[in-house]
Amino acid sequence: MERKHNSQQKLHIRRGDTVKVLSGDDKNKTGKVLEILREKDRAIVEGVNIVTKHQKPSAGKPEGGIKKIEAGIHLSNLMLIDPSSGKPTRTGRKLNEKGKLQRYSKKTGELIK
């Protein structure tokens, strides 16, 4: 019998986390993760990587116009901010009391959520 593996990769960032941008035009900005795009290895962060989108008027949206929206940032350019200390930290995984893997801060050693 063949072993079954989890097809989804484990990520160091989840929706709702506060992250710091490590590189790019928005370097050193922080924001809350709104969405994770797993297939592209990207995240949409609130107030970071703002792009201008031109929207053509249509029957559904007759006003059209120019809108500013957040675009995705590659996960490798984001670092989790530790909720307890407020500083950026790397993350790891270790077993909790119930035997499940849970993220922890490598800077402070505390479990994250």
N, C-alpha and C. Protein backbone atom coordinates (compact mmCIF):
# COMPACT_ATOMS: atom_id res chain seq x y z
N MET A 1 0.84 -1.18 0.00
CA MET A 1 0.00 0.00 0.00
C MET A 1 0.88 1.24 0.00
N GLU A 2 0.53 2.19 -0.85
CA GLU A 2 1.33 3.40 -0.99
C GLU A 2 0.98 4.41 0.09
N ARG A 3 2.00 5.13 0.54
CA ARG A 3 1.76 6.18 1.53
C ARG A 3 1.10 7.38 0.86
N LYS A 4 0.20 8.01 1.57
CA LYS A 4 -0.44 9.21 1.06
C LYS A 4 0.24 10.41 1.69
N HIS A 5 0.54 11.39 0.89
CA HIS A 5 1.19 12.60 1.37
C HIS A 5 0.24 13.77 1.22
N ASN A 6 0.43 14.73 2.09
CA ASN A 6 -0.36 15.95 2.01
C ASN A 6 0.06 16.71 0.76
N SER A 7 -0.91 17.04 -0.09
CA SER A 7 -0.58 17.70 -1.34
C SER A 7 -0.32 19.20 -1.13
N GLN A 8 -0.84 19.78 -0.05
CA GLN A 8 -0.60 21.19 0.21
C GLN A 8 0.66 21.37 1.02
N GLN A 9 1.49 22.32 0.59
CA GLN A 9 2.72 22.57 1.33
C GLN A 9 2.43 23.40 2.57
N LYS A 10 3.24 23.22 3.60
CA LYS A 10 3.10 23.99 4.82
C LYS A 10 3.78 25.34 4.62
N LEU A 11 3.11 26.40 4.99
CA LEU A 11 3.63 27.74 4.81
C LEU A 11 3.95 28.37 6.17
N HIS A 12 4.89 29.30 6.18
CA HIS A 12 5.26 29.96 7.43
C HIS A 12 4.34 31.13 7.74
N ILE A 13 3.44 31.46 6.81
CA ILE A 13 2.54 32.60 6.97
C ILE A 13 1.10 32.12 6.72
N ARG A 14 0.18 32.64 7.52
CA ARG A 14 -1.24 32.32 7.36
C ARG A 14 -2.04 33.60 7.23
N ARG A 15 -3.29 33.46 6.79
CA ARG A 15 -4.19 34.60 6.69
C ARG A 15 -4.41 35.17 8.11
N GLY A 16 -4.36 36.50 8.21
CA GLY A 16 -4.55 37.15 9.50
C GLY A 16 -3.25 37.48 10.23
N ASP A 17 -2.12 36.92 9.79
CA ASP A 17 -0.82 37.22 10.41
C ASP A 17 -0.38 38.63 10.05
N THR A 18 0.42 39.23 10.92
CA THR A 18 1.07 40.50 10.61
C THR A 18 2.47 40.18 10.11
N VAL A 19 2.82 40.75 8.96
CA VAL A 19 4.11 40.44 8.34
C VAL A 19 4.88 41.71 7.99
N LYS A 20 6.19 41.53 7.81
CA LYS A 20 7.07 42.61 7.38
C LYS A 20 7.59 42.26 6.00
N VAL A 21 7.67 43.26 5.11
CA VAL A 21 8.17 43.05 3.76
C VAL A 21 9.69 43.20 3.79
N LEU A 22 10.39 42.19 3.26
CA LEU A 22 11.85 42.17 3.32
C LEU A 22 12.53 42.84 2.13
N SER A 23 11.88 42.84 0.96
CA SER A 23 12.53 43.42 -0.21
C SER A 23 11.49 43.99 -1.16
N GLY A 24 11.96 44.79 -2.09
CA GLY A 24 11.08 45.39 -3.08
C GLY A 24 10.82 46.85 -2.78
N ASP A 25 9.88 47.42 -3.53
CA ASP A 25 9.55 48.84 -3.36
C ASP A 25 8.96 49.14 -1.99
N ASP A 26 8.28 48.17 -1.39
CA ASP A 26 7.63 48.38 -0.11
C ASP A 26 8.43 47.79 1.05
N LYS A 27 9.74 47.75 0.91
CA LYS A 27 10.62 47.19 1.94
C LYS A 27 10.38 47.87 3.29
N ASN A 28 10.38 47.06 4.36
CA ASN A 28 10.20 47.49 5.75
C ASN A 28 8.78 47.90 6.11
N LYS A 29 7.83 47.80 5.19
CA LYS A 29 6.43 48.06 5.53
C LYS A 29 5.85 46.83 6.20
N THR A 30 4.86 47.05 7.04
CA THR A 30 4.18 45.94 7.69
C THR A 30 2.69 46.00 7.35
N GLY A 31 2.05 44.86 7.43
CA GLY A 31 0.62 44.80 7.16
C GLY A 31 0.06 43.44 7.51
N LYS A 32 -1.25 43.34 7.46
CA LYS A 32 -1.96 42.12 7.78
C LYS A 32 -2.21 41.32 6.50
N VAL A 33 -2.00 40.01 6.56
CA VAL A 33 -2.21 39.16 5.38
C VAL A 33 -3.71 38.99 5.16
N LEU A 34 -4.18 39.39 3.97
CA LEU A 34 -5.59 39.28 3.64
C LEU A 34 -5.92 37.95 2.97
N GLU A 35 -4.97 37.46 2.17
CA GLU A 35 -5.24 36.25 1.40
C GLU A 35 -3.93 35.58 1.02
N ILE A 36 -3.96 34.24 0.95
CA ILE A 36 -2.80 33.47 0.51
C ILE A 36 -3.15 32.83 -0.83
N LEU A 37 -2.28 33.01 -1.82
CA LEU A 37 -2.46 32.40 -3.14
C LEU A 37 -1.47 31.24 -3.24
N ARG A 38 -1.88 30.05 -2.84
CA ARG A 38 -0.98 28.89 -2.75
C ARG A 38 -0.39 28.49 -4.09
N GLU A 39 -1.20 28.52 -5.14
CA GLU A 39 -0.71 28.05 -6.44
C GLU A 39 0.38 28.94 -7.01
N LYS A 40 0.43 30.21 -6.57
CA LYS A 40 1.45 31.13 -7.06
C LYS A 40 2.50 31.46 -6.00
N ASP A 41 2.39 30.88 -4.79
CA ASP A 41 3.29 31.16 -3.66
C ASP A 41 3.34 32.65 -3.35
N ARG A 42 2.16 33.27 -3.30
CA ARG A 42 2.08 34.70 -3.04
C ARG A 42 1.05 34.99 -1.96
N ALA A 43 1.17 36.17 -1.38
CA ALA A 43 0.20 36.62 -0.37
C ALA A 43 -0.20 38.05 -0.70
N ILE A 44 -1.45 38.39 -0.38
CA ILE A 44 -1.92 39.76 -0.53
C ILE A 44 -1.91 40.38 0.86
N VAL A 45 -1.14 41.47 1.00
CA VAL A 45 -0.95 42.12 2.30
C VAL A 45 -1.62 43.49 2.26
N GLU A 46 -2.32 43.81 3.34
CA GLU A 46 -3.08 45.05 3.43
C GLU A 46 -2.16 46.27 3.36
N GLY A 47 -2.41 47.16 2.40
CA GLY A 47 -1.67 48.41 2.28
C GLY A 47 -0.29 48.30 1.67
N VAL A 48 0.06 47.13 1.12
CA VAL A 48 1.40 46.91 0.56
C VAL A 48 1.27 46.47 -0.89
N ASN A 49 2.21 46.91 -1.73
CA ASN A 49 2.25 46.56 -3.15
C ASN A 49 0.97 47.01 -3.85
N ILE A 50 0.66 48.29 -3.73
CA ILE A 50 -0.54 48.87 -4.33
C ILE A 50 -0.29 49.08 -5.83
N VAL A 51 -1.23 48.59 -6.65
CA VAL A 51 -1.14 48.76 -8.10
C VAL A 51 -2.40 49.48 -8.57
N THR A 52 -2.29 50.13 -9.73
CA THR A 52 -3.42 50.83 -10.32
C THR A 52 -4.08 49.93 -11.34
N LYS A 53 -5.39 49.75 -11.21
CA LYS A 53 -6.13 48.90 -12.14
C LYS A 53 -7.16 49.76 -12.85
N HIS A 54 -7.14 49.71 -14.18
CA HIS A 54 -8.12 50.44 -14.98
C HIS A 54 -9.29 49.51 -15.23
N GLN A 55 -10.48 49.94 -14.83
CA GLN A 55 -11.66 49.10 -14.99
C GLN A 55 -12.61 49.74 -16.00
N LYS A 56 -12.93 48.97 -17.02
CA LYS A 56 -13.81 49.43 -18.08
C LYS A 56 -15.25 49.41 -17.58
N PRO A 57 -16.05 50.41 -17.92
CA PRO A 57 -17.45 50.38 -17.52
C PRO A 57 -18.17 49.17 -18.14
N SER A 58 -19.02 48.54 -17.35
CA SER A 58 -19.79 47.40 -17.84
C SER A 58 -21.20 47.51 -17.29
N ALA A 59 -22.04 46.57 -17.66
CA ALA A 59 -23.42 46.59 -17.18
C ALA A 59 -23.46 46.42 -15.66
N GLY A 60 -22.59 45.58 -15.13
CA GLY A 60 -22.54 45.36 -13.68
C GLY A 60 -21.97 46.54 -12.92
N LYS A 61 -20.93 47.17 -13.49
CA LYS A 61 -20.29 48.33 -12.85
C LYS A 61 -20.24 49.47 -13.86
N PRO A 62 -21.30 50.24 -13.97
CA PRO A 62 -21.34 51.28 -15.01
C PRO A 62 -20.36 52.44 -14.77
N GLU A 63 -19.86 52.60 -13.52
CA GLU A 63 -18.96 53.73 -13.25
C GLU A 63 -17.55 53.50 -13.79
N GLY A 64 -17.04 52.26 -13.79
CA GLY A 64 -15.68 52.00 -14.27
C GLY A 64 -14.67 52.82 -13.50
N GLY A 65 -13.58 53.23 -14.17
CA GLY A 65 -12.62 54.13 -13.55
C GLY A 65 -11.30 53.47 -13.19
N ILE A 66 -10.48 54.23 -12.46
CA ILE A 66 -9.16 53.76 -12.04
C ILE A 66 -9.23 53.43 -10.55
N LYS A 67 -8.81 52.21 -10.20
CA LYS A 67 -8.86 51.77 -8.81
C LYS A 67 -7.48 51.35 -8.36
N LYS A 68 -7.20 51.55 -7.08
CA LYS A 68 -5.93 51.11 -6.50
C LYS A 68 -6.21 49.89 -5.64
N ILE A 69 -5.52 48.78 -5.95
CA ILE A 69 -5.72 47.54 -5.21
C ILE A 69 -4.38 46.94 -4.81
N GLU A 70 -4.40 46.02 -3.85
CA GLU A 70 -3.18 45.34 -3.43
C GLU A 70 -2.90 44.17 -4.37
N ALA A 71 -1.66 44.04 -4.78
CA ALA A 71 -1.24 42.90 -5.61
C ALA A 71 -0.46 41.93 -4.72
N GLY A 72 -0.24 40.73 -5.24
CA GLY A 72 0.45 39.70 -4.46
C GLY A 72 1.94 39.97 -4.30
N ILE A 73 2.48 39.46 -3.19
CA ILE A 73 3.91 39.52 -2.91
C ILE A 73 4.38 38.10 -2.68
N HIS A 74 5.53 37.74 -3.21
CA HIS A 74 6.03 36.38 -3.04
C HIS A 74 6.30 36.11 -1.56
N LEU A 75 5.97 34.89 -1.13
CA LEU A 75 6.09 34.53 0.28
C LEU A 75 7.53 34.64 0.81
N SER A 76 8.51 34.47 -0.08
CA SER A 76 9.90 34.55 0.35
C SER A 76 10.30 35.98 0.74
N ASN A 77 9.50 36.96 0.33
CA ASN A 77 9.79 38.36 0.66
C ASN A 77 9.05 38.83 1.90
N LEU A 78 8.41 37.92 2.61
CA LEU A 78 7.65 38.27 3.81
C LEU A 78 8.21 37.55 5.02
N MET A 79 8.19 38.23 6.18
CA MET A 79 8.62 37.62 7.42
C MET A 79 7.57 37.89 8.49
N LEU A 80 7.22 36.84 9.21
CA LEU A 80 6.21 36.94 10.25
C LEU A 80 6.68 37.82 11.40
N ILE A 81 5.77 38.65 11.93
CA ILE A 81 6.08 39.45 13.11
C ILE A 81 5.52 38.71 14.31
N ASP A 82 6.39 38.45 15.29
CA ASP A 82 6.02 37.71 16.49
C ASP A 82 4.97 38.50 17.27
N PRO A 83 3.80 37.90 17.54
CA PRO A 83 2.74 38.63 18.24
C PRO A 83 3.14 39.07 19.66
N SER A 84 4.00 38.31 20.33
CA SER A 84 4.34 38.65 21.71
C SER A 84 5.39 39.77 21.79
N SER A 85 6.41 39.72 20.93
CA SER A 85 7.48 40.72 21.02
C SER A 85 7.32 41.86 20.02
N GLY A 86 6.58 41.64 18.94
CA GLY A 86 6.40 42.67 17.92
C GLY A 86 7.57 42.81 16.98
N LYS A 87 8.50 41.83 17.00
CA LYS A 87 9.66 41.87 16.13
C LYS A 87 9.58 40.75 15.09
N PRO A 88 10.20 40.93 13.91
CA PRO A 88 10.19 39.86 12.91
C PRO A 88 10.92 38.63 13.41
N THR A 89 10.41 37.45 13.05
CA THR A 89 11.02 36.21 13.51
C THR A 89 10.86 35.13 12.45
N ARG A 90 11.78 34.19 12.48
CA ARG A 90 11.62 32.99 11.67
C ARG A 90 10.70 32.04 12.42
N THR A 91 10.10 31.12 11.70
CA THR A 91 9.18 30.19 12.36
C THR A 91 9.64 28.77 12.16
N GLY A 92 9.23 27.92 13.08
CA GLY A 92 9.48 26.49 13.00
C GLY A 92 8.22 25.77 13.40
N ARG A 93 8.27 24.43 13.44
CA ARG A 93 7.13 23.65 13.86
C ARG A 93 7.57 22.66 14.92
N LYS A 94 6.74 22.54 15.95
CA LYS A 94 6.99 21.50 16.95
C LYS A 94 5.65 20.99 17.46
N LEU A 95 5.69 19.81 18.05
CA LEU A 95 4.47 19.18 18.54
C LEU A 95 3.98 19.88 19.80
N ASN A 96 2.66 20.10 19.87
CA ASN A 96 2.08 20.65 21.10
C ASN A 96 1.61 19.49 21.99
N GLU A 97 0.88 19.81 23.06
CA GLU A 97 0.45 18.78 24.02
C GLU A 97 -0.47 17.74 23.39
N LYS A 98 -1.24 18.15 22.39
CA LYS A 98 -2.20 17.25 21.74
C LYS A 98 -1.57 16.41 20.63
N GLY A 99 -0.29 16.59 20.39
CA GLY A 99 0.40 15.82 19.36
C GLY A 99 0.26 16.39 17.95
N LYS A 100 -0.15 17.64 17.84
CA LYS A 100 -0.28 18.28 16.54
C LYS A 100 0.87 19.26 16.33
N LEU A 101 1.28 19.42 15.07
CA LEU A 101 2.33 20.39 14.76
C LEU A 101 1.77 21.80 14.88
N GLN A 102 2.53 22.67 15.51
CA GLN A 102 2.12 24.05 15.66
C GLN A 102 3.32 24.95 15.43
N ARG A 103 3.07 26.12 14.84
CA ARG A 103 4.15 27.07 14.57
C ARG A 103 4.66 27.66 15.88
N TYR A 104 5.97 27.94 15.90
CA TYR A 104 6.56 28.65 17.04
C TYR A 104 7.58 29.65 16.55
N SER A 105 7.82 30.66 17.37
CA SER A 105 8.77 31.71 17.05
C SER A 105 10.17 31.22 17.40
N LYS A 106 11.09 31.29 16.46
CA LYS A 106 12.46 30.86 16.75
C LYS A 106 13.20 31.90 17.58
N LYS A 107 12.69 33.14 17.62
CA LYS A 107 13.34 34.18 18.41
C LYS A 107 13.00 34.03 19.89
N THR A 108 11.72 33.82 20.21
CA THR A 108 11.30 33.73 21.60
C THR A 108 11.00 32.30 22.06
N GLY A 109 10.75 31.39 21.11
CA GLY A 109 10.45 30.02 21.46
C GLY A 109 8.99 29.78 21.82
N GLU A 110 8.15 30.82 21.75
CA GLU A 110 6.74 30.68 22.11
C GLU A 110 5.91 30.20 20.93
N LEU A 111 4.84 29.46 21.24
CA LEU A 111 3.93 29.00 20.19
C LEU A 111 3.15 30.18 19.63
N ILE A 112 2.85 30.10 18.33
CA ILE A 112 2.09 31.16 17.66
C ILE A 112 0.69 30.65 17.40
N LYS A 113 -0.30 31.31 17.94
CA LYS A 113 -1.72 30.96 17.81
C LYS A 113 -1.93 29.50 18.03
